[in-house]
Amino acid sequence: DAQGKPFVDPFRPSRIEVAQAEKVAPSAATARVKQEQDRAKEPLEAFALESIQMQGTLTQGKETFALVKAGSNLYRVRKGNYMGQNFGVITGIDESQISLKEVVQDSGGDWVERSTTVQLSEGKK
């Protein structure tokens, strides 16, 4: 080497082994998917989120529930219940909507969390 520095072979096996040892830690979304796959499914996870309709809310004590229609059945759900086919967990309920956090795959195949809502259905009067 013209400047007196030793030449480092970039293809030296020990250098490659170090690079392979630096694995990227799984994202929180990927870890959540692994946990979700081991959990027993709730009834509303059989329905696409788009097919679930929020009918209204009801409060018992200090807890607020949402009434949702899926298929021909009516269900009562609360924060922490699951809905939809993308591991959607309910994060909040108010009079006009249900807030959920889902886990979906992005265009690169990585699992990412996204927030979504189910709006109160405008019923025919």
N, C-alpha and C. Protein backbone atom coordinates (compact mmCIF):
# COMPACT_ATOMS: atom_id res chain seq x y z
N ASP A 1 0.85 -1.18 0.00
CA ASP A 1 0.00 0.00 0.00
C ASP A 1 0.89 1.23 0.00
N ALA A 2 0.54 2.21 -0.81
CA ALA A 2 1.37 3.39 -1.00
C ALA A 2 1.44 4.25 0.25
N GLN A 3 0.45 4.23 1.12
CA GLN A 3 0.45 5.10 2.30
C GLN A 3 0.88 4.35 3.56
N GLY A 4 1.34 3.15 3.42
CA GLY A 4 1.86 2.40 4.56
C GLY A 4 0.78 1.70 5.38
N LYS A 5 -0.47 1.74 4.95
CA LYS A 5 -1.54 1.06 5.68
C LYS A 5 -1.64 -0.37 5.18
N PRO A 6 -1.88 -1.31 6.09
CA PRO A 6 -2.00 -2.70 5.64
C PRO A 6 -3.29 -2.89 4.83
N PHE A 7 -3.21 -3.75 3.85
CA PHE A 7 -4.37 -4.05 3.01
C PHE A 7 -5.28 -5.02 3.76
N VAL A 8 -6.58 -4.71 3.84
CA VAL A 8 -7.55 -5.59 4.50
C VAL A 8 -8.37 -6.26 3.41
N ASP A 9 -8.33 -7.58 3.43
CA ASP A 9 -9.07 -8.35 2.44
C ASP A 9 -10.56 -8.33 2.80
N PRO A 10 -11.42 -7.71 1.98
CA PRO A 10 -12.84 -7.64 2.31
C PRO A 10 -13.54 -9.00 2.27
N PHE A 11 -12.89 -10.01 1.67
CA PHE A 11 -13.50 -11.33 1.56
C PHE A 11 -12.95 -12.32 2.59
N ARG A 12 -12.19 -11.80 3.55
CA ARG A 12 -11.66 -12.64 4.60
C ARG A 12 -12.82 -13.29 5.36
N PRO A 13 -12.82 -14.62 5.54
CA PRO A 13 -13.97 -15.30 6.18
C PRO A 13 -14.37 -14.73 7.54
N SER A 14 -13.41 -14.33 8.37
CA SER A 14 -13.79 -13.81 9.69
C SER A 14 -14.59 -12.52 9.55
N ARG A 15 -14.30 -11.73 8.54
CA ARG A 15 -15.04 -10.49 8.30
C ARG A 15 -16.48 -10.83 7.89
N ILE A 16 -16.66 -11.83 7.08
CA ILE A 16 -17.99 -12.24 6.64
C ILE A 16 -18.79 -12.80 7.81
N GLU A 17 -18.15 -13.60 8.66
CA GLU A 17 -18.85 -14.15 9.81
C GLU A 17 -19.36 -13.05 10.74
N VAL A 18 -18.58 -12.01 10.92
CA VAL A 18 -19.01 -10.90 11.78
C VAL A 18 -20.25 -10.25 11.18
N ALA A 19 -20.24 -10.03 9.88
CA ALA A 19 -21.39 -9.41 9.22
C ALA A 19 -22.63 -10.28 9.37
N GLN A 20 -22.48 -11.59 9.27
CA GLN A 20 -23.63 -12.48 9.40
C GLN A 20 -24.15 -12.51 10.84
N ALA A 21 -23.29 -12.30 11.80
CA ALA A 21 -23.70 -12.36 13.20
C ALA A 21 -24.57 -11.16 13.58
N GLU A 22 -24.48 -10.08 12.83
CA GLU A 22 -25.25 -8.88 13.14
C GLU A 22 -26.64 -8.99 12.52
N LYS A 23 -27.47 -9.80 13.12
CA LYS A 23 -28.83 -9.96 12.61
C LYS A 23 -29.69 -8.83 13.13
N VAL A 24 -30.62 -8.38 12.30
CA VAL A 24 -31.52 -7.30 12.68
C VAL A 24 -32.58 -7.88 13.62
N ALA A 25 -32.82 -7.19 14.72
CA ALA A 25 -33.84 -7.64 15.66
C ALA A 25 -35.21 -7.53 15.00
N PRO A 26 -36.10 -8.49 15.26
CA PRO A 26 -37.43 -8.42 14.64
C PRO A 26 -38.19 -7.18 15.14
N SER A 27 -38.97 -6.61 14.27
CA SER A 27 -39.73 -5.43 14.66
C SER A 27 -40.83 -5.83 15.64
N ALA A 28 -41.40 -4.85 16.30
CA ALA A 28 -42.48 -5.11 17.25
C ALA A 28 -43.66 -5.75 16.53
N ALA A 29 -43.92 -5.32 15.30
CA ALA A 29 -45.04 -5.86 14.54
C ALA A 29 -44.80 -7.34 14.22
N THR A 30 -43.57 -7.70 13.85
CA THR A 30 -43.26 -9.09 13.55
C THR A 30 -43.39 -9.94 14.80
N ALA A 31 -42.93 -9.44 15.93
CA ALA A 31 -43.05 -10.16 17.19
C ALA A 31 -44.53 -10.35 17.55
N ARG A 32 -45.34 -9.31 17.28
CA ARG A 32 -46.77 -9.41 17.59
C ARG A 32 -47.45 -10.48 16.73
N VAL A 33 -47.08 -10.56 15.45
CA VAL A 33 -47.66 -11.57 14.56
C VAL A 33 -47.37 -12.96 15.09
N LYS A 34 -46.15 -13.19 15.55
CA LYS A 34 -45.79 -14.51 16.09
C LYS A 34 -46.63 -14.84 17.32
N GLN A 35 -46.87 -13.86 18.19
CA GLN A 35 -47.71 -14.08 19.36
C GLN A 35 -49.15 -14.34 18.95
N GLU A 36 -49.64 -13.57 17.98
CA GLU A 36 -51.03 -13.69 17.54
C GLU A 36 -51.31 -15.05 16.93
N GLN A 37 -50.34 -15.63 16.23
CA GLN A 37 -50.55 -16.91 15.57
C GLN A 37 -50.73 -18.05 16.58
N ASP A 38 -50.22 -17.86 17.79
CA ASP A 38 -50.34 -18.90 18.83
C ASP A 38 -51.62 -18.76 19.65
N ARG A 39 -52.33 -17.65 19.49
CA ARG A 39 -53.50 -17.33 20.30
C ARG A 39 -54.76 -17.91 19.66
N ALA A 40 -55.72 -18.31 20.49
CA ALA A 40 -57.01 -18.79 19.97
C ALA A 40 -57.74 -17.61 19.33
N LYS A 41 -58.32 -17.83 18.15
CA LYS A 41 -59.00 -16.77 17.42
C LYS A 41 -60.35 -16.45 18.05
N GLU A 42 -60.73 -15.16 17.98
CA GLU A 42 -62.05 -14.73 18.43
C GLU A 42 -63.01 -14.78 17.24
N PRO A 43 -64.33 -14.89 17.49
CA PRO A 43 -65.29 -15.06 16.39
C PRO A 43 -65.23 -13.98 15.30
N LEU A 44 -65.00 -12.73 15.66
CA LEU A 44 -65.00 -11.65 14.67
C LEU A 44 -63.75 -11.62 13.79
N GLU A 45 -62.77 -12.46 14.09
CA GLU A 45 -61.57 -12.54 13.25
C GLU A 45 -61.84 -13.35 11.98
N ALA A 46 -62.99 -13.99 11.90
CA ALA A 46 -63.34 -14.74 10.69
C ALA A 46 -63.89 -13.81 9.61
N PHE A 47 -64.21 -12.57 9.96
CA PHE A 47 -64.82 -11.62 9.03
C PHE A 47 -63.82 -10.57 8.57
N ALA A 48 -63.93 -10.17 7.30
CA ALA A 48 -63.14 -9.04 6.81
C ALA A 48 -63.64 -7.79 7.55
N LEU A 49 -62.73 -6.92 7.94
CA LEU A 49 -63.10 -5.73 8.70
C LEU A 49 -64.15 -4.90 7.96
N GLU A 50 -64.06 -4.87 6.63
CA GLU A 50 -65.00 -4.08 5.82
C GLU A 50 -66.43 -4.61 5.93
N SER A 51 -66.59 -5.88 6.31
CA SER A 51 -67.93 -6.46 6.40
C SER A 51 -68.54 -6.33 7.78
N ILE A 52 -67.80 -5.78 8.75
CA ILE A 52 -68.30 -5.61 10.11
C ILE A 52 -68.88 -4.21 10.24
N GLN A 53 -70.10 -4.13 10.74
CA GLN A 53 -70.79 -2.84 10.87
C GLN A 53 -70.99 -2.49 12.33
N MET A 54 -70.58 -1.27 12.70
CA MET A 54 -70.83 -0.80 14.07
C MET A 54 -72.28 -0.31 14.14
N GLN A 55 -73.04 -0.86 15.09
CA GLN A 55 -74.45 -0.51 15.23
C GLN A 55 -74.71 0.52 16.32
N GLY A 56 -73.82 0.58 17.32
CA GLY A 56 -74.00 1.52 18.42
C GLY A 56 -73.10 1.17 19.58
N THR A 57 -73.31 1.85 20.70
CA THR A 57 -72.50 1.60 21.90
C THR A 57 -73.42 1.39 23.09
N LEU A 58 -72.86 0.82 24.14
CA LEU A 58 -73.57 0.71 25.40
C LEU A 58 -72.54 0.76 26.51
N THR A 59 -72.92 1.37 27.63
CA THR A 59 -72.00 1.51 28.75
C THR A 59 -72.56 0.74 29.93
N GLN A 60 -71.69 -0.08 30.53
CA GLN A 60 -72.03 -0.81 31.74
C GLN A 60 -70.96 -0.47 32.77
N GLY A 61 -71.38 0.16 33.85
CA GLY A 61 -70.41 0.62 34.83
C GLY A 61 -69.56 1.70 34.19
N LYS A 62 -68.24 1.52 34.22
CA LYS A 62 -67.34 2.49 33.59
C LYS A 62 -66.83 2.00 32.25
N GLU A 63 -67.31 0.85 31.79
CA GLU A 63 -66.81 0.26 30.55
C GLU A 63 -67.77 0.51 29.39
N THR A 64 -67.20 0.92 28.25
CA THR A 64 -67.99 1.15 27.04
C THR A 64 -67.81 -0.01 26.09
N PHE A 65 -68.91 -0.54 25.61
CA PHE A 65 -68.92 -1.63 24.64
C PHE A 65 -69.46 -1.10 23.32
N ALA A 66 -69.08 -1.74 22.23
CA ALA A 66 -69.67 -1.44 20.93
C ALA A 66 -70.49 -2.65 20.51
N LEU A 67 -71.59 -2.38 19.83
CA LEU A 67 -72.39 -3.45 19.25
C LEU A 67 -72.08 -3.47 17.77
N VAL A 68 -71.65 -4.62 17.27
CA VAL A 68 -71.29 -4.74 15.86
C VAL A 68 -72.06 -5.90 15.23
N LYS A 69 -72.36 -5.73 13.96
CA LYS A 69 -73.04 -6.78 13.21
C LYS A 69 -72.05 -7.38 12.23
N ALA A 70 -71.95 -8.70 12.26
CA ALA A 70 -71.09 -9.43 11.33
C ALA A 70 -71.89 -10.63 10.86
N GLY A 71 -72.09 -10.74 9.56
CA GLY A 71 -72.96 -11.79 9.05
C GLY A 71 -74.36 -11.50 9.53
N SER A 72 -75.03 -12.50 10.09
CA SER A 72 -76.40 -12.29 10.59
C SER A 72 -76.43 -12.12 12.11
N ASN A 73 -75.27 -12.07 12.75
CA ASN A 73 -75.21 -11.99 14.21
C ASN A 73 -74.79 -10.62 14.72
N LEU A 74 -75.21 -10.30 15.93
CA LEU A 74 -74.82 -9.09 16.62
C LEU A 74 -73.84 -9.47 17.73
N TYR A 75 -72.76 -8.73 17.87
CA TYR A 75 -71.73 -9.03 18.86
C TYR A 75 -71.50 -7.80 19.74
N ARG A 76 -71.14 -8.03 20.98
CA ARG A 76 -70.74 -6.96 21.89
C ARG A 76 -69.23 -7.07 22.05
N VAL A 77 -68.51 -5.98 21.76
CA VAL A 77 -67.05 -6.00 21.86
C VAL A 77 -66.58 -4.86 22.76
N ARG A 78 -65.37 -5.02 23.26
CA ARG A 78 -64.77 -3.99 24.11
C ARG A 78 -63.30 -3.85 23.76
N LYS A 79 -62.68 -2.87 24.36
CA LYS A 79 -61.26 -2.64 24.16
C LYS A 79 -60.50 -3.92 24.49
N GLY A 80 -59.59 -4.34 23.59
CA GLY A 80 -58.82 -5.56 23.79
C GLY A 80 -59.34 -6.74 22.99
N ASN A 81 -60.61 -6.66 22.51
CA ASN A 81 -61.13 -7.72 21.64
C ASN A 81 -60.51 -7.59 20.25
N TYR A 82 -60.60 -8.67 19.49
CA TYR A 82 -60.04 -8.71 18.14
C TYR A 82 -61.16 -8.74 17.10
N MET A 83 -60.92 -8.05 15.98
CA MET A 83 -61.87 -8.04 14.86
C MET A 83 -61.09 -8.01 13.55
N GLY A 84 -61.65 -8.60 12.53
CA GLY A 84 -61.04 -8.55 11.21
C GLY A 84 -59.96 -9.61 11.04
N GLN A 85 -59.44 -9.68 9.81
CA GLN A 85 -58.50 -10.75 9.47
C GLN A 85 -57.04 -10.31 9.48
N ASN A 86 -56.77 -9.09 10.01
CA ASN A 86 -55.39 -8.60 10.07
C ASN A 86 -54.93 -8.38 11.51
N PHE A 87 -55.28 -9.32 12.40
CA PHE A 87 -54.88 -9.24 13.81
C PHE A 87 -55.29 -7.91 14.43
N GLY A 88 -56.48 -7.42 14.07
CA GLY A 88 -56.95 -6.11 14.55
C GLY A 88 -57.42 -6.17 15.99
N VAL A 89 -56.75 -5.43 16.87
CA VAL A 89 -57.12 -5.37 18.28
C VAL A 89 -57.76 -4.00 18.53
N ILE A 90 -58.88 -4.00 19.25
CA ILE A 90 -59.61 -2.76 19.53
C ILE A 90 -58.82 -1.96 20.57
N THR A 91 -58.53 -0.70 20.22
CA THR A 91 -57.77 0.17 21.11
C THR A 91 -58.64 1.24 21.75
N GLY A 92 -59.84 1.45 21.21
CA GLY A 92 -60.73 2.46 21.78
C GLY A 92 -62.11 2.40 21.15
N ILE A 93 -63.11 2.85 21.92
CA ILE A 93 -64.49 2.88 21.44
C ILE A 93 -65.10 4.20 21.88
N ASP A 94 -65.74 4.91 20.93
CA ASP A 94 -66.57 6.06 21.31
C ASP A 94 -67.89 5.95 20.56
N GLU A 95 -68.75 6.95 20.69
CA GLU A 95 -70.10 6.85 20.13
C GLU A 95 -70.11 6.73 18.61
N SER A 96 -69.07 7.19 17.94
CA SER A 96 -69.10 7.23 16.47
C SER A 96 -68.18 6.22 15.79
N GLN A 97 -67.25 5.61 16.53
CA GLN A 97 -66.32 4.70 15.87
C GLN A 97 -65.61 3.77 16.85
N ILE A 98 -65.05 2.71 16.27
CA ILE A 98 -64.19 1.77 16.98
C ILE A 98 -62.79 1.95 16.40
N SER A 99 -61.79 2.17 17.23
CA SER A 99 -60.40 2.31 16.78
C SER A 99 -59.69 0.98 16.96
N LEU A 100 -58.91 0.60 15.95
CA LEU A 100 -58.18 -0.65 15.99
C LEU A 100 -56.74 -0.44 15.56
N LYS A 101 -55.89 -1.37 16.00
CA LYS A 101 -54.51 -1.43 15.51
C LYS A 101 -54.36 -2.79 14.85
N GLU A 102 -54.04 -2.78 13.55
CA GLU A 102 -53.88 -4.01 12.79
C GLU A 102 -52.41 -4.23 12.47
N VAL A 103 -52.08 -5.47 12.08
CA VAL A 103 -50.74 -5.79 11.62
C VAL A 103 -50.89 -6.34 10.20
N VAL A 104 -50.23 -5.66 9.25
CA VAL A 104 -50.32 -6.05 7.85
C VAL A 104 -48.91 -6.11 7.25
N GLN A 105 -48.78 -6.79 6.13
CA GLN A 105 -47.49 -6.83 5.45
C GLN A 105 -47.41 -5.65 4.48
N ASP A 106 -46.24 -4.97 4.49
CA ASP A 106 -46.03 -3.88 3.54
C ASP A 106 -45.53 -4.45 2.22
N SER A 107 -45.25 -3.58 1.26
CA SER A 107 -44.84 -4.04 -0.07
C SER A 107 -43.53 -4.83 -0.05
N GLY A 108 -42.69 -4.62 0.97
CA GLY A 108 -41.43 -5.35 1.08
C GLY A 108 -41.57 -6.67 1.82
N GLY A 109 -42.79 -7.00 2.28
CA GLY A 109 -43.01 -8.25 2.99
C GLY A 109 -42.79 -8.15 4.49
N ASP A 110 -42.48 -6.94 4.99
CA ASP A 110 -42.29 -6.76 6.44
C ASP A 110 -43.63 -6.51 7.10
N TRP A 111 -43.77 -6.96 8.35
CA TRP A 111 -45.00 -6.73 9.10
C TRP A 111 -44.94 -5.34 9.73
N VAL A 112 -46.01 -4.58 9.56
CA VAL A 112 -46.09 -3.22 10.11
C VAL A 112 -47.46 -3.04 10.78
N GLU A 113 -47.48 -2.21 11.82
CA GLU A 113 -48.75 -1.90 12.47
C GLU A 113 -49.38 -0.70 11.79
N ARG A 114 -50.72 -0.71 11.71
CA ARG A 114 -51.43 0.45 11.18
C ARG A 114 -52.70 0.64 12.00
N SER A 115 -53.11 1.89 12.13
CA SER A 115 -54.33 2.21 12.85
C SER A 115 -55.46 2.34 11.85
N THR A 116 -56.64 1.88 12.24
CA THR A 116 -57.81 1.98 11.38
C THR A 116 -59.04 2.13 12.27
N THR A 117 -60.19 2.43 11.65
CA THR A 117 -61.42 2.58 12.41
C THR A 117 -62.57 1.90 11.70
N VAL A 118 -63.59 1.57 12.47
CA VAL A 118 -64.87 1.13 11.95
C VAL A 118 -65.86 2.19 12.39
N GLN A 119 -66.47 2.86 11.42
CA GLN A 119 -67.38 3.96 11.71
C GLN A 119 -68.78 3.43 12.04
N LEU A 120 -69.51 4.21 12.82
CA LEU A 120 -70.90 3.89 13.12
C LEU A 120 -71.69 3.85 11.83
N SER A 121 -72.45 2.78 11.62
CA SER A 121 -73.26 2.65 10.39
C SER A 121 -74.46 3.58 10.49
N GLU A 122 -74.72 4.28 9.40
CA GLU A 122 -75.91 5.13 9.33
C GLU A 122 -77.09 4.23 9.02
N GLY A 123 -77.91 3.97 10.01
CA GLY A 123 -79.06 3.07 9.82
C GLY A 123 -80.20 3.74 9.08
N LYS A 124 -80.99 2.96 8.38
CA LYS A 124 -82.17 3.50 7.70
C LYS A 124 -83.25 3.71 8.73
N LYS A 125 -83.87 4.88 8.70
CA LYS A 125 -84.89 5.19 9.70
C LYS A 125 -86.25 5.15 9.10
